[in-house]
Amino acid sequence: MWKLKIAEGHGPYLYSTNNFVGRQIWEFDHEAGTPEEREEVEKAREEYRKNRKQGVHPCGDLLMRMQLIKESGLDLLSIPPVRLGEKEEVTYEAVTTAVKKAVRLNRAIQAKDGHWPAENAGVNFFTPPLVSVLFSNSKHKLLSWPNWCPDECVTICRSLPCTSVGQLILS
């Protein structure tokens, strides 16, 4: 089974000034994983093969996401999804639940060293506007930071200094 190794590398020919932060390597181990995990991976592969010819393009980094979500220990299914009908009014609770689910998924697929593996620019594209909205709305008490787990706030803000929105918020 393929496993993603993150921020590792203590070989004799490897040198790092930042303790291998951001380094990612895929390794194959015949003995890795439980039979249930192997079956789940095989289902994901079969689903990919089945949909590939139909023009459906599933997430190509599904194995990585499965591994990162499992390692994070977060239960992504504990918060039920928000389903609104066409004429239903958007409520405070619906918005709060949807944002919490998005932040939790964002946190679950973040590597232990703070980066998002596989050159996932999508997360970095959506994170600054998300934090900007949460920050500005927290001043109006719509979605206040105290309602969030401190770990979630730290995890999201970890990537902000490199963005223009992050520099604006953090200044």
Protein backbone atom coordinates (compact mmCIF):
# COMPACT_ATOMS: atom_id res chain seq x y z
CA MET A 1 0.00 0.00 0.00
CA TRP A 2 1.26 3.48 -0.80
CA LYS A 3 1.87 5.80 2.17
CA LEU A 4 2.69 9.49 2.09
CA LYS A 5 5.69 10.42 4.22
CA ILE A 6 5.77 14.08 5.23
CA ALA A 7 8.68 16.10 6.62
CA GLU A 8 10.90 13.04 6.90
CA GLY A 9 14.34 12.43 5.54
CA HIS A 10 17.34 11.58 7.58
CA GLY A 11 19.39 9.83 4.92
CA PRO A 12 23.13 10.32 4.58
CA TYR A 13 22.75 12.36 1.37
CA LEU A 14 19.93 14.59 2.55
CA TYR A 15 20.40 18.02 4.06
CA SER A 16 17.76 20.48 5.17
CA THR A 17 17.89 23.90 6.76
CA ASN A 18 14.20 23.78 7.70
CA ASN A 19 13.94 20.24 9.13
CA PHE A 20 12.39 18.92 5.88
CA VAL A 21 9.23 21.00 6.26
CA GLY A 22 7.14 20.64 3.10
CA ARG A 23 8.98 17.53 1.89
CA GLN A 24 6.67 14.77 0.72
CA ILE A 25 7.56 11.30 -0.52
CA TRP A 26 5.35 8.39 -1.50
CA GLU A 27 6.62 4.99 -0.32
CA PHE A 28 5.21 1.56 -1.08
CA ASP A 29 4.99 -0.98 1.73
CA HIS A 30 3.49 -4.42 1.09
CA GLU A 31 2.64 -4.84 4.78
CA ALA A 32 1.15 -1.39 5.43
CA GLY A 33 -2.42 -0.96 6.54
CA THR A 34 -5.08 -3.22 7.94
CA PRO A 35 -7.20 -5.45 5.69
CA GLU A 36 -10.05 -2.93 6.03
CA GLU A 37 -7.80 -0.06 4.92
CA ARG A 38 -6.53 -2.07 1.96
CA GLU A 39 -10.11 -2.86 0.97
CA GLU A 40 -11.04 0.84 1.20
CA VAL A 41 -8.07 1.76 -1.00
CA GLU A 42 -9.03 -0.93 -3.51
CA LYS A 43 -12.61 0.43 -3.62
CA ALA A 44 -11.27 3.92 -4.29
CA ARG A 45 -9.08 2.60 -7.12
CA GLU A 46 -11.96 0.67 -8.67
CA GLU A 47 -14.23 3.72 -8.46
CA TYR A 48 -11.54 5.81 -10.14
CA ARG A 49 -11.11 3.24 -12.94
CA LYS A 50 -14.87 2.98 -13.44
CA ASN A 51 -15.47 6.74 -13.67
CA ARG A 52 -12.35 7.65 -15.62
CA LYS A 53 -13.79 6.58 -19.00
CA GLN A 54 -17.16 8.23 -18.38
CA GLY A 55 -15.68 11.71 -18.31
CA VAL A 56 -16.05 11.99 -14.53
CA HIS A 57 -12.79 13.20 -13.04
CA PRO A 58 -12.68 12.20 -9.38
CA CYS A 59 -10.15 13.64 -7.01
CA GLY A 60 -6.77 12.25 -8.07
CA ASP A 61 -5.28 12.61 -4.61
CA LEU A 62 -7.95 10.55 -2.85
CA LEU A 63 -5.42 8.16 -1.27
CA MET A 64 -3.54 11.11 0.20
CA ARG A 65 -6.74 12.67 1.52
CA MET A 66 -7.85 9.37 3.07
CA GLN A 67 -4.49 9.03 4.83
CA LEU A 68 -4.37 12.63 6.07
CA ILE A 69 -7.96 12.56 7.35
CA LYS A 70 -7.29 9.30 9.18
CA GLU A 71 -4.07 10.66 10.73
CA SER A 72 -5.75 13.91 11.79
CA GLY A 73 -8.19 12.01 13.98
CA LEU A 74 -11.03 14.39 13.13
CA ASP A 75 -14.50 12.96 12.71
CA LEU A 76 -15.73 14.73 9.60
CA LEU A 77 -19.12 13.03 9.70
CA SER A 78 -20.05 14.15 13.21
CA ILE A 79 -21.53 17.39 11.87
CA PRO A 80 -24.45 16.64 9.52
CA PRO A 81 -24.39 18.28 6.09
CA VAL A 82 -26.46 21.38 5.47
CA ARG A 83 -29.16 20.87 2.85
CA LEU A 84 -31.31 23.82 1.84
CA GLY A 85 -34.20 23.75 -0.58
CA GLU A 86 -34.57 26.28 -3.35
CA LYS A 87 -36.90 28.57 -1.43
CA GLU A 88 -35.57 27.93 2.07
CA GLU A 89 -34.16 30.81 4.03
CA VAL A 90 -30.48 30.71 4.95
CA THR A 91 -30.23 30.77 8.74
CA TYR A 92 -27.42 31.59 11.11
CA GLU A 93 -27.22 27.93 12.18
CA ALA A 94 -26.98 26.69 8.58
CA VAL A 95 -24.15 29.09 7.74
CA THR A 96 -22.28 28.33 10.96
CA THR A 97 -22.56 24.58 10.39
CA ALA A 98 -21.40 24.83 6.77
CA VAL A 99 -18.40 26.99 7.68
CA LYS A 100 -17.45 24.69 10.56
CA LYS A 101 -17.53 21.70 8.21
CA ALA A 102 -15.35 23.53 5.68
CA VAL A 103 -12.82 24.58 8.31
CA ARG A 104 -12.73 21.07 9.76
CA LEU A 105 -12.05 19.50 6.34
CA ASN A 106 -9.42 22.15 5.63
CA ARG A 107 -7.74 21.27 8.92
CA ALA A 108 -8.01 17.51 8.33
CA ILE A 109 -6.14 17.56 5.01
CA GLN A 110 -3.34 19.76 6.32
CA ALA A 111 -0.07 17.90 6.92
CA LYS A 112 1.53 17.71 10.34
CA ASP A 113 4.18 20.27 9.35
CA GLY A 114 1.56 22.84 8.33
CA HIS A 115 1.53 22.59 4.54
CA TRP A 116 -1.11 21.11 2.25
CA PRO A 117 0.52 18.25 0.30
CA ALA A 118 0.35 17.59 -3.43
CA GLU A 119 0.72 21.25 -4.38
CA ASN A 120 -2.90 21.83 -3.44
CA ALA A 121 -3.34 25.44 -4.44
CA GLY A 122 -7.09 25.22 -3.97
CA VAL A 123 -6.90 25.40 -0.22
CA ASN A 124 -4.52 28.36 -0.31
CA PHE A 125 -6.79 30.07 -2.82
CA PHE A 126 -9.88 29.77 -0.60
CA THR A 127 -8.32 30.15 2.85
CA PRO A 128 -7.54 33.92 2.84
CA PRO A 129 -11.09 34.93 1.82
CA LEU A 130 -12.53 32.51 4.39
CA VAL A 131 -10.42 33.96 7.17
CA SER A 132 -11.13 37.50 6.00
CA VAL A 133 -14.89 36.90 6.18
CA LEU A 134 -14.66 35.21 9.56
CA PHE A 135 -12.43 37.97 10.91
CA SER A 136 -14.60 40.83 9.67
CA ASN A 137 -17.81 39.12 10.77
CA SER A 138 -16.40 38.38 14.21
CA LYS A 139 -16.37 42.13 14.85
CA HIS A 140 -20.11 42.13 14.17
CA LYS A 141 -20.68 39.01 16.29
CA LEU A 142 -22.13 37.01 13.38
CA LEU A 143 -19.46 34.33 13.44
CA SER A 144 -17.22 35.02 16.37
CA TRP A 145 -13.80 33.45 16.89
CA PRO A 146 -14.65 32.35 20.47
CA ASN A 147 -17.11 29.84 18.97
CA TRP A 148 -14.21 28.16 17.20
CA CYS A 149 -11.81 25.69 18.68
CA PRO A 150 -8.47 27.48 19.29
CA ASP A 151 -6.69 24.76 17.29
CA GLU A 152 -8.86 25.55 14.27
CA CYS A 153 -7.98 29.25 14.47
CA VAL A 154 -4.26 28.53 14.77
CA THR A 155 -4.36 25.99 11.94
CA ILE A 156 -6.07 28.36 9.55
CA CYS A 157 -3.93 31.35 10.45
CA ARG A 158 -0.72 29.34 10.06
CA SER A 159 -0.68 29.89 6.30
CA LEU A 160 -1.81 33.53 6.29
CA PRO A 161 1.41 35.58 6.55
CA CYS A 162 2.30 34.70 2.95
CA THR A 163 -0.92 36.16 1.55
CA SER A 164 -2.01 39.75 1.05
CA VAL A 165 -5.23 39.14 2.98
CA GLY A 166 -3.24 37.58 5.80
CA GLN A 167 -0.87 40.54 5.97
CA LEU A 168 -3.84 42.90 6.11
CA ILE A 169 -5.57 40.93 8.88
CA LEU A 170 -2.46 40.30 10.94
CA SER A 171 -1.26 43.91 10.83
